[in-house]
N, C-alpha and C. Protein backbone atom coordinates (compact mmCIF):
# COMPACT_ATOMS: atom_id res chain seq x y z
N UNK A 1 79.30 87.93 115.27
CA UNK A 1 80.48 88.28 115.15
C UNK A 1 81.14 88.85 115.83
N UNK A 2 82.78 89.30 115.80
CA UNK A 2 82.65 90.28 116.92
C UNK A 2 82.91 91.42 116.07
N UNK A 3 82.17 92.99 116.72
CA UNK A 3 82.54 94.32 115.68
C UNK A 3 84.33 94.62 115.89
N UNK A 4 84.49 95.37 114.01
CA UNK A 4 86.04 95.39 114.20
C UNK A 4 85.75 97.00 112.87
N UNK A 5 84.84 97.29 113.22
CA UNK A 5 84.93 99.01 112.67
C UNK A 5 84.57 99.71 114.29
N UNK A 6 85.87 100.57 114.06
CA UNK A 6 85.23 101.32 115.13
C UNK A 6 84.06 103.02 114.34
N UNK A 7 83.95 104.54 115.55
CA UNK A 7 83.56 105.03 115.07
C UNK A 7 83.74 105.84 114.52
N UNK A 8 85.17 106.04 113.97
CA UNK A 8 85.46 106.92 113.15
C UNK A 8 85.48 106.29 111.69
N UNK A 9 85.80 105.17 111.59
CA UNK A 9 85.83 104.76 110.54
C UNK A 9 84.30 104.28 109.93
N UNK A 10 83.61 104.08 110.83
CA UNK A 10 82.63 103.86 110.81
C UNK A 10 82.17 105.43 110.22
N UNK A 11 82.13 106.67 110.20
CA UNK A 11 81.64 107.54 109.90
C UNK A 11 82.11 108.03 108.45
N UNK A 12 83.61 107.52 108.31
CA UNK A 12 84.28 107.84 107.60
C UNK A 12 83.58 106.80 105.91
N UNK A 13 83.65 105.56 106.05
CA UNK A 13 82.21 104.33 105.52
C UNK A 13 80.95 104.84 105.13
N UNK A 14 80.62 105.74 105.83
CA UNK A 14 79.35 106.23 105.89
C UNK A 14 79.32 107.38 104.56
N UNK A 15 80.04 108.35 105.42
CA UNK A 15 80.36 109.47 104.17
C UNK A 15 80.79 109.03 102.76
N UNK A 16 81.52 108.07 102.34
CA UNK A 16 82.57 108.00 101.37
C UNK A 16 81.01 106.75 100.35
N UNK A 17 80.00 106.22 101.53
CA UNK A 17 78.74 105.76 100.57
C UNK A 17 78.23 106.83 100.49
N UNK A 18 77.88 107.36 100.67
CA UNK A 18 76.87 108.77 100.45
C UNK A 18 77.47 109.42 99.29
N UNK A 19 78.73 110.06 99.07
CA UNK A 19 79.32 110.54 98.18
C UNK A 19 79.12 109.62 96.94
N UNK A 20 79.85 108.38 96.96
CA UNK A 20 79.98 107.39 95.97
C UNK A 20 78.46 107.04 95.25
N UNK A 21 77.03 107.04 96.38
CA UNK A 21 75.43 107.02 96.16
C UNK A 21 75.60 108.89 94.74
N UNK A 22 75.99 109.39 95.65
CA UNK A 22 75.69 111.27 94.37
C UNK A 22 76.53 111.27 93.32
N UNK A 23 77.46 110.57 93.29
CA UNK A 23 78.11 110.29 91.90
C UNK A 23 77.50 109.36 91.56
N UNK A 24 77.07 108.38 91.60
CA UNK A 24 76.56 107.81 90.87
C UNK A 24 75.27 108.46 90.48
N UNK A 25 74.67 108.73 90.77
CA UNK A 25 72.98 109.20 90.74
C UNK A 25 73.46 110.22 89.76
N UNK A 26 74.52 111.18 89.98
CA UNK A 26 74.44 112.65 89.07
C UNK A 26 75.54 112.73 87.78
N UNK A 27 76.79 111.93 88.07
CA UNK A 27 77.84 111.76 87.36
C UNK A 27 78.07 110.88 86.47
N UNK A 28 77.99 109.77 87.22
CA UNK A 28 78.55 108.48 86.48
C UNK A 28 77.41 107.76 85.63
N UNK A 29 78.04 107.36 84.83
CA UNK A 29 76.91 106.04 83.40
C UNK A 29 77.45 104.91 83.04
N UNK A 30 76.53 104.47 82.98
CA UNK A 30 77.55 102.78 82.56
C UNK A 30 77.76 101.73 83.46
N UNK A 31 79.02 101.17 83.28
CA UNK A 31 79.69 100.48 83.95
C UNK A 31 80.40 101.05 85.58
N UNK A 32 80.76 102.73 85.28
CA UNK A 32 81.26 103.52 86.38
C UNK A 32 79.97 103.77 87.76
N UNK A 33 78.90 103.86 86.93
CA UNK A 33 77.80 104.19 87.96
C UNK A 33 77.65 102.78 88.33
N UNK A 34 77.35 101.70 87.56
CA UNK A 34 77.37 100.44 89.02
C UNK A 34 78.59 100.02 89.82
N UNK A 35 79.73 100.54 89.75
CA UNK A 35 80.80 99.91 90.69
C UNK A 35 80.23 100.86 91.62
N UNK A 36 80.21 102.06 91.29
CA UNK A 36 79.72 103.47 92.69
C UNK A 36 78.87 103.12 93.91
N UNK A 37 77.96 102.20 92.75
CA UNK A 37 76.85 101.70 93.69
C UNK A 37 77.34 101.00 94.52
N UNK A 38 77.82 99.79 94.08
CA UNK A 38 77.97 98.69 94.39
C UNK A 38 79.36 99.18 96.06
N UNK A 39 79.95 100.04 95.57
CA UNK A 39 81.10 100.38 96.20
C UNK A 39 79.98 101.34 97.73
N UNK A 40 79.41 102.49 96.98
CA UNK A 40 78.38 102.69 98.05
C UNK A 40 77.59 101.65 99.14
N UNK A 41 77.25 100.58 98.50
CA UNK A 41 76.20 99.49 98.80
C UNK A 41 77.04 98.88 100.23
N UNK A 42 78.72 97.94 99.76
CA UNK A 42 79.50 97.95 100.59
C UNK A 42 79.95 98.32 101.75
N UNK A 43 79.82 100.17 101.30
CA UNK A 43 80.81 100.79 102.49
C UNK A 43 79.53 101.39 103.67
N UNK A 44 78.64 100.96 103.05
CA UNK A 44 77.37 101.61 103.89
C UNK A 44 77.02 100.18 105.14
N UNK A 45 76.68 99.37 103.97
CA UNK A 45 76.52 97.89 105.20
C UNK A 45 77.01 97.50 106.36
N UNK A 46 79.07 97.65 105.90
CA UNK A 46 80.06 97.28 106.77
C UNK A 46 79.82 98.61 107.96
N UNK A 47 79.70 100.63 107.61
CA UNK A 47 79.93 100.99 108.39
C UNK A 47 78.46 101.50 109.23
N UNK A 48 77.17 100.15 109.05
CA UNK A 48 75.79 99.54 109.71
C UNK A 48 76.48 99.21 110.30
N UNK A 49 76.84 98.05 110.01
CA UNK A 49 76.97 96.40 111.19
C UNK A 49 78.11 96.96 112.05
N UNK A 50 79.40 97.24 111.32
CA UNK A 50 80.16 97.52 111.70
C UNK A 50 81.15 96.40 111.99
N UNK A 51 81.18 95.73 111.18
CA UNK A 51 82.07 94.26 110.82
C UNK A 51 82.21 94.24 109.18
N UNK A 52 83.81 94.71 109.11
CA UNK A 52 84.79 94.66 107.47
C UNK A 52 85.16 92.88 107.67
N UNK A 53 84.35 92.36 106.72
CA UNK A 53 84.98 90.63 106.63
C UNK A 53 86.39 91.18 106.14
N UNK A 54 87.47 92.10 105.31
CA UNK A 54 88.31 92.45 104.59
C UNK A 54 89.20 92.56 106.04
N UNK A 55 88.54 93.20 107.30
CA UNK A 55 89.72 93.04 108.16
C UNK A 55 89.60 91.84 109.06
N UNK A 56 88.85 90.87 108.92
CA UNK A 56 88.97 89.40 109.55
C UNK A 56 90.44 88.72 109.54
N UNK A 57 90.56 88.24 108.24
CA UNK A 57 92.05 87.54 108.27
C UNK A 57 93.25 88.13 108.30
N UNK A 58 93.11 89.66 108.55
CA UNK A 58 94.31 90.18 109.21
C UNK A 58 94.24 90.60 110.63
N UNK A 59 93.23 90.11 111.29
CA UNK A 59 93.12 90.42 112.41
C UNK A 59 93.25 92.36 112.72
N UNK A 60 92.81 92.88 111.86
CA UNK A 60 92.56 94.33 111.78
C UNK A 60 91.47 94.35 112.91
N UNK A 61 91.29 95.41 113.70
CA UNK A 61 90.32 96.00 114.50
C UNK A 61 90.31 97.66 114.69
N UNK A 62 89.25 98.72 113.94
CA UNK A 62 89.60 99.95 114.24
C UNK A 62 88.80 100.20 115.81
N UNK A 63 87.76 98.96 116.45
CA UNK A 63 86.82 99.06 117.65
C UNK A 63 88.07 99.27 118.83
N UNK A 64 87.80 100.45 119.47
CA UNK A 64 88.83 100.60 120.87
C UNK A 64 88.41 99.33 122.05
N UNK A 65 86.93 98.82 121.38
CA UNK A 65 86.46 98.25 122.72
C UNK A 65 86.70 96.59 122.54
N UNK A 66 87.63 96.67 121.34
CA UNK A 66 87.47 95.12 121.15
C UNK A 66 88.60 94.60 121.46
């Protein structure tokens, strides 16, 4: 699969994942905590793998090398 997440986008996704996980651990309870964990997981995976499935149908790429 072609990489479509650039380095700036990647760092932003990882930072969002860390913030969402911290909020899920400290502040949120119940359904909000579950939503934050899901957001954290999605952001972390797409940041590490550098492929965003939502970018594919719209042919969006923040990766300068593609």
